[in-house]
Amino acid sequence: MLEIMETVDKSVLEIEVKGEVTKDDYDRLEKAIEKRLNESEKVNMYCSIIEFSGLTAEAILSDFKLFAKYYDKMEKMAIVSGKEWTEWVSKLGAVLPMEIMHFDVDEKEMALRWLMK
């Protein structure tokens, strides 16, 4: 499940990942991205991974479509999670055309400052 959170900065979209992510989650995420793009030229993603158990097959396809559609509108992604995600984040950064940084769970403020630079 993706939970979309409110943020003060119009260019930042904050999401929390909990459990399994589905196509419906990506549909809601796309609407949130569109809303942000109506308010700002670019979107920076703040992604907090609480507990991740995987993606459904439809969600994987939606993920590729979403990033293909908006890749030129996304500049940065901050992933806030436990240290076990560090290697995964570095691999993700190699394939996505945006700057990606990993932050530990207690570094939320640092992650948000980095996104807003």
N, C-alpha and C. Protein backbone atom coordinates (compact mmCIF):
# COMPACT_ATOMS: atom_id res chain seq x y z
N MET A 1 0.84 -1.18 0.00
CA MET A 1 0.00 0.00 0.00
C MET A 1 0.88 1.24 0.00
N LEU A 2 0.50 2.22 -0.81
CA LEU A 2 1.16 3.52 -0.80
C LEU A 2 0.23 4.51 -0.14
N GLU A 3 0.73 5.17 0.88
CA GLU A 3 -0.04 6.23 1.51
C GLU A 3 0.57 7.55 1.10
N ILE A 4 -0.25 8.42 0.52
CA ILE A 4 0.21 9.71 0.05
C ILE A 4 -0.04 10.74 1.14
N MET A 5 1.03 11.43 1.54
CA MET A 5 0.98 12.36 2.66
C MET A 5 0.97 13.80 2.14
N GLU A 6 0.46 14.70 2.95
CA GLU A 6 0.48 16.13 2.63
C GLU A 6 1.86 16.70 2.97
N THR A 7 2.34 17.61 2.13
CA THR A 7 3.60 18.30 2.40
C THR A 7 3.41 19.80 2.19
N VAL A 8 4.28 20.57 2.80
CA VAL A 8 4.21 22.02 2.69
C VAL A 8 4.76 22.48 1.34
N ASP A 9 5.85 21.89 0.91
CA ASP A 9 6.49 22.28 -0.35
C ASP A 9 5.73 21.69 -1.53
N LYS A 10 5.34 22.53 -2.46
CA LYS A 10 4.53 22.09 -3.60
C LYS A 10 5.27 21.18 -4.56
N SER A 11 6.60 21.18 -4.50
CA SER A 11 7.37 20.34 -5.41
C SER A 11 7.66 18.95 -4.83
N VAL A 12 7.32 18.73 -3.56
CA VAL A 12 7.64 17.46 -2.90
C VAL A 12 6.38 16.62 -2.72
N LEU A 13 6.47 15.39 -3.16
CA LEU A 13 5.39 14.42 -2.97
C LEU A 13 5.89 13.37 -1.99
N GLU A 14 5.22 13.25 -0.86
CA GLU A 14 5.64 12.31 0.18
C GLU A 14 4.74 11.08 0.17
N ILE A 15 5.37 9.91 0.13
CA ILE A 15 4.62 8.66 0.19
C ILE A 15 5.23 7.74 1.24
N GLU A 16 4.38 6.92 1.83
CA GLU A 16 4.83 5.85 2.73
C GLU A 16 4.47 4.52 2.10
N VAL A 17 5.41 3.61 2.11
CA VAL A 17 5.19 2.27 1.58
C VAL A 17 4.98 1.34 2.76
N LYS A 18 3.85 0.64 2.73
CA LYS A 18 3.52 -0.32 3.79
C LYS A 18 2.96 -1.58 3.13
N GLY A 19 3.60 -2.70 3.34
CA GLY A 19 3.09 -3.95 2.81
C GLY A 19 3.24 -4.08 1.31
N GLU A 20 2.24 -4.66 0.67
CA GLU A 20 2.28 -4.92 -0.77
C GLU A 20 1.73 -3.72 -1.54
N VAL A 21 2.41 -3.37 -2.64
CA VAL A 21 2.00 -2.25 -3.49
C VAL A 21 1.25 -2.80 -4.70
N THR A 22 0.11 -2.18 -5.02
CA THR A 22 -0.77 -2.67 -6.10
C THR A 22 -0.90 -1.63 -7.20
N LYS A 23 -1.55 -2.03 -8.28
CA LYS A 23 -1.84 -1.11 -9.40
C LYS A 23 -2.69 0.06 -8.91
N ASP A 24 -3.65 -0.18 -8.04
CA ASP A 24 -4.49 0.90 -7.50
C ASP A 24 -3.64 1.94 -6.79
N ASP A 25 -2.60 1.49 -6.10
CA ASP A 25 -1.69 2.43 -5.44
C ASP A 25 -1.02 3.33 -6.47
N TYR A 26 -0.58 2.74 -7.58
CA TYR A 26 0.06 3.54 -8.63
C TYR A 26 -0.92 4.47 -9.32
N ASP A 27 -2.16 4.06 -9.44
CA ASP A 27 -3.18 4.95 -10.01
C ASP A 27 -3.35 6.19 -9.13
N ARG A 28 -3.39 5.99 -7.80
CA ARG A 28 -3.50 7.12 -6.87
C ARG A 28 -2.24 7.98 -6.90
N LEU A 29 -1.08 7.31 -7.03
CA LEU A 29 0.19 8.04 -7.10
C LEU A 29 0.24 8.92 -8.34
N GLU A 30 -0.24 8.40 -9.45
CA GLU A 30 -0.24 9.19 -10.69
C GLU A 30 -1.11 10.44 -10.54
N LYS A 31 -2.26 10.29 -9.90
CA LYS A 31 -3.13 11.46 -9.67
C LYS A 31 -2.43 12.48 -8.78
N ALA A 32 -1.71 12.00 -7.77
CA ALA A 32 -0.99 12.91 -6.87
C ALA A 32 0.14 13.63 -7.62
N ILE A 33 0.83 12.91 -8.51
CA ILE A 33 1.89 13.54 -9.31
C ILE A 33 1.29 14.62 -10.20
N GLU A 34 0.18 14.30 -10.85
CA GLU A 34 -0.49 15.28 -11.71
C GLU A 34 -0.88 16.53 -10.92
N LYS A 35 -1.40 16.33 -9.72
CA LYS A 35 -1.78 17.46 -8.88
C LYS A 35 -0.56 18.32 -8.56
N ARG A 36 0.56 17.68 -8.20
CA ARG A 36 1.78 18.44 -7.90
C ARG A 36 2.26 19.20 -9.14
N LEU A 37 2.16 18.57 -10.30
CA LEU A 37 2.63 19.22 -11.53
C LEU A 37 1.75 20.38 -11.93
N ASN A 38 0.54 20.45 -11.44
CA ASN A 38 -0.31 21.62 -11.66
C ASN A 38 0.15 22.79 -10.80
N GLU A 39 0.93 22.49 -9.74
CA GLU A 39 1.39 23.51 -8.81
C GLU A 39 2.88 23.83 -8.96
N SER A 40 3.63 22.94 -9.61
CA SER A 40 5.08 23.08 -9.71
C SER A 40 5.55 22.44 -11.02
N GLU A 41 6.68 22.93 -11.54
CA GLU A 41 7.21 22.37 -12.79
C GLU A 41 7.81 20.98 -12.61
N LYS A 42 8.35 20.72 -11.45
CA LYS A 42 9.03 19.45 -11.16
C LYS A 42 8.43 18.82 -9.91
N VAL A 43 8.66 17.52 -9.78
CA VAL A 43 8.21 16.79 -8.59
C VAL A 43 9.42 16.06 -8.00
N ASN A 44 9.63 16.24 -6.73
CA ASN A 44 10.63 15.48 -5.99
C ASN A 44 9.89 14.53 -5.07
N MET A 45 10.36 13.29 -5.01
CA MET A 45 9.67 12.25 -4.24
C MET A 45 10.38 11.98 -2.92
N TYR A 46 9.59 11.96 -1.85
CA TYR A 46 10.05 11.53 -0.54
C TYR A 46 9.35 10.20 -0.29
N CYS A 47 10.11 9.13 -0.21
CA CYS A 47 9.54 7.79 -0.08
C CYS A 47 10.02 7.15 1.22
N SER A 48 9.11 6.95 2.14
CA SER A 48 9.42 6.30 3.41
C SER A 48 8.97 4.84 3.33
N ILE A 49 9.93 3.94 3.49
CA ILE A 49 9.61 2.51 3.41
C ILE A 49 9.50 1.98 4.83
N ILE A 50 8.26 1.76 5.26
CA ILE A 50 7.98 1.27 6.60
C ILE A 50 8.14 -0.24 6.63
N GLU A 51 7.45 -0.87 5.73
CA GLU A 51 7.44 -2.33 5.64
C GLU A 51 7.06 -2.63 4.19
N PHE A 52 7.91 -3.33 3.49
CA PHE A 52 7.65 -3.60 2.07
C PHE A 52 7.64 -5.09 1.85
N SER A 53 6.51 -5.60 1.33
CA SER A 53 6.44 -7.04 1.08
C SER A 53 6.40 -7.38 -0.40
N GLY A 54 6.43 -6.36 -1.27
CA GLY A 54 6.51 -6.62 -2.70
C GLY A 54 5.52 -5.84 -3.52
N LEU A 55 5.59 -6.08 -4.83
CA LEU A 55 4.71 -5.45 -5.81
C LEU A 55 3.91 -6.53 -6.51
N THR A 56 2.65 -6.25 -6.78
CA THR A 56 1.88 -7.18 -7.62
C THR A 56 2.40 -7.04 -9.04
N ALA A 57 2.11 -8.03 -9.89
CA ALA A 57 2.56 -7.99 -11.29
C ALA A 57 2.03 -6.74 -11.99
N GLU A 58 0.77 -6.40 -11.76
CA GLU A 58 0.20 -5.20 -12.38
C GLU A 58 0.90 -3.94 -11.88
N ALA A 59 1.31 -3.94 -10.61
CA ALA A 59 2.00 -2.78 -10.05
C ALA A 59 3.37 -2.58 -10.69
N ILE A 60 4.06 -3.67 -11.01
CA ILE A 60 5.37 -3.56 -11.66
C ILE A 60 5.21 -2.88 -13.02
N LEU A 61 4.22 -3.29 -13.78
CA LEU A 61 3.95 -2.67 -15.08
C LEU A 61 3.58 -1.19 -14.90
N SER A 62 2.74 -0.89 -13.91
CA SER A 62 2.35 0.50 -13.63
C SER A 62 3.55 1.34 -13.23
N ASP A 63 4.48 0.75 -12.49
CA ASP A 63 5.69 1.44 -12.06
C ASP A 63 6.50 1.89 -13.28
N PHE A 64 6.73 0.97 -14.22
CA PHE A 64 7.47 1.32 -15.43
C PHE A 64 6.76 2.41 -16.23
N LYS A 65 5.47 2.29 -16.38
CA LYS A 65 4.69 3.27 -17.14
C LYS A 65 4.74 4.65 -16.48
N LEU A 66 4.60 4.66 -15.16
CA LEU A 66 4.60 5.92 -14.42
C LEU A 66 5.92 6.66 -14.58
N PHE A 67 7.04 5.94 -14.38
CA PHE A 67 8.33 6.61 -14.48
C PHE A 67 8.65 6.98 -15.92
N ALA A 68 8.19 6.20 -16.90
CA ALA A 68 8.40 6.55 -18.30
C ALA A 68 7.63 7.83 -18.64
N LYS A 69 6.44 7.97 -18.11
CA LYS A 69 5.60 9.13 -18.40
C LYS A 69 6.12 10.41 -17.76
N TYR A 70 6.67 10.31 -16.55
CA TYR A 70 7.04 11.50 -15.79
C TYR A 70 8.54 11.67 -15.54
N TYR A 71 9.39 10.84 -16.16
CA TYR A 71 10.81 10.88 -15.84
C TYR A 71 11.43 12.26 -16.02
N ASP A 72 10.95 13.03 -16.99
CA ASP A 72 11.52 14.35 -17.23
C ASP A 72 10.98 15.41 -16.28
N LYS A 73 10.03 15.04 -15.43
CA LYS A 73 9.45 15.96 -14.46
C LYS A 73 9.91 15.66 -13.03
N MET A 74 10.68 14.58 -12.88
CA MET A 74 11.15 14.18 -11.55
C MET A 74 12.66 14.40 -11.48
N GLU A 75 13.09 15.16 -10.47
CA GLU A 75 14.51 15.46 -10.33
C GLU A 75 15.20 14.61 -9.28
N LYS A 76 14.53 14.46 -8.12
CA LYS A 76 15.16 13.78 -6.99
C LYS A 76 14.18 12.84 -6.29
N MET A 77 14.75 11.80 -5.69
CA MET A 77 13.97 10.91 -4.84
C MET A 77 14.79 10.61 -3.60
N ALA A 78 14.19 10.90 -2.45
CA ALA A 78 14.81 10.56 -1.17
C ALA A 78 14.09 9.32 -0.64
N ILE A 79 14.86 8.28 -0.38
CA ILE A 79 14.28 7.06 0.17
C ILE A 79 14.73 6.95 1.62
N VAL A 80 13.76 6.95 2.51
CA VAL A 80 14.03 6.88 3.94
C VAL A 80 13.63 5.49 4.42
N SER A 81 14.61 4.75 4.91
CA SER A 81 14.36 3.37 5.33
C SER A 81 15.53 2.88 6.16
N GLY A 82 15.43 1.64 6.58
CA GLY A 82 16.52 1.02 7.31
C GLY A 82 17.73 0.80 6.41
N LYS A 83 18.85 0.52 7.01
CA LYS A 83 20.11 0.37 6.28
C LYS A 83 20.07 -0.77 5.26
N GLU A 84 19.19 -1.75 5.47
CA GLU A 84 19.13 -2.89 4.55
C GLU A 84 18.72 -2.48 3.13
N TRP A 85 18.20 -1.28 2.96
CA TRP A 85 17.77 -0.81 1.64
C TRP A 85 18.86 -0.06 0.89
N THR A 86 19.99 0.19 1.52
CA THR A 86 21.04 1.01 0.91
C THR A 86 21.50 0.44 -0.43
N GLU A 87 21.79 -0.84 -0.50
CA GLU A 87 22.27 -1.45 -1.74
C GLU A 87 21.19 -1.40 -2.82
N TRP A 88 19.94 -1.66 -2.45
CA TRP A 88 18.83 -1.61 -3.40
C TRP A 88 18.69 -0.21 -3.98
N VAL A 89 18.83 0.81 -3.14
CA VAL A 89 18.70 2.20 -3.59
C VAL A 89 19.80 2.54 -4.59
N SER A 90 21.01 2.06 -4.36
CA SER A 90 22.09 2.35 -5.29
C SER A 90 21.83 1.70 -6.65
N LYS A 91 21.23 0.53 -6.67
CA LYS A 91 20.87 -0.12 -7.94
C LYS A 91 19.74 0.63 -8.63
N LEU A 92 18.78 1.09 -7.86
CA LEU A 92 17.67 1.86 -8.42
C LEU A 92 18.19 3.15 -9.06
N GLY A 93 19.14 3.78 -8.41
CA GLY A 93 19.73 5.01 -8.93
C GLY A 93 20.45 4.81 -10.26
N ALA A 94 20.90 3.60 -10.51
CA ALA A 94 21.59 3.32 -11.77
C ALA A 94 20.64 3.24 -12.96
N VAL A 95 19.34 2.98 -12.72
CA VAL A 95 18.41 2.82 -13.83
C VAL A 95 17.40 3.95 -13.97
N LEU A 96 17.19 4.72 -12.93
CA LEU A 96 16.23 5.83 -13.02
C LEU A 96 16.95 7.13 -13.32
N PRO A 97 16.39 7.95 -14.21
CA PRO A 97 17.05 9.20 -14.62
C PRO A 97 16.81 10.35 -13.64
N MET A 98 17.07 10.11 -12.37
CA MET A 98 16.93 11.15 -11.36
C MET A 98 17.96 10.90 -10.28
N GLU A 99 18.21 11.91 -9.50
CA GLU A 99 19.14 11.79 -8.39
C GLU A 99 18.42 11.08 -7.23
N ILE A 100 19.02 10.03 -6.70
CA ILE A 100 18.39 9.26 -5.62
C ILE A 100 19.37 9.16 -4.46
N MET A 101 18.85 9.45 -3.27
CA MET A 101 19.67 9.35 -2.06
C MET A 101 18.92 8.52 -1.02
N HIS A 102 19.67 7.77 -0.25
CA HIS A 102 19.11 6.98 0.84
C HIS A 102 19.39 7.70 2.16
N PHE A 103 18.39 7.72 3.03
CA PHE A 103 18.51 8.30 4.36
C PHE A 103 17.99 7.29 5.37
N ASP A 104 18.60 7.26 6.54
CA ASP A 104 18.12 6.38 7.60
C ASP A 104 16.80 6.91 8.16
N VAL A 105 16.07 6.08 8.86
CA VAL A 105 14.73 6.44 9.33
C VAL A 105 14.72 7.67 10.24
N ASP A 106 15.81 7.96 10.89
CA ASP A 106 15.84 9.12 11.78
C ASP A 106 16.35 10.38 11.07
N GLU A 107 16.45 10.35 9.74
CA GLU A 107 16.97 11.49 8.98
C GLU A 107 15.92 12.14 8.08
N LYS A 108 14.66 12.11 8.49
CA LYS A 108 13.59 12.67 7.67
C LYS A 108 13.83 14.13 7.34
N GLU A 109 14.17 14.94 8.31
CA GLU A 109 14.37 16.38 8.08
C GLU A 109 15.52 16.61 7.11
N MET A 110 16.59 15.84 7.23
CA MET A 110 17.71 15.96 6.32
C MET A 110 17.29 15.60 4.89
N ALA A 111 16.48 14.56 4.74
CA ALA A 111 15.99 14.14 3.43
C ALA A 111 15.13 15.23 2.80
N LEU A 112 14.24 15.82 3.58
CA LEU A 112 13.38 16.88 3.06
C LEU A 112 14.19 18.11 2.65
N ARG A 113 15.20 18.48 3.46
CA ARG A 113 16.06 19.62 3.10
C ARG A 113 16.79 19.35 1.77
N TRP A 114 17.28 18.11 1.61
CA TRP A 114 17.98 17.74 0.38
C TRP A 114 17.04 17.86 -0.82
N LEU A 115 15.80 17.42 -0.67
CA LEU A 115 14.83 17.50 -1.77
C LEU A 115 14.50 18.93 -2.17
N MET A 116 14.53 19.84 -1.21
CA MET A 116 14.11 21.21 -1.46
C MET A 116 15.26 22.12 -1.91
N LYS A 117 16.48 21.59 -2.02
CA LYS A 117 17.62 22.41 -2.49
C LYS A 117 17.50 22.67 -3.96
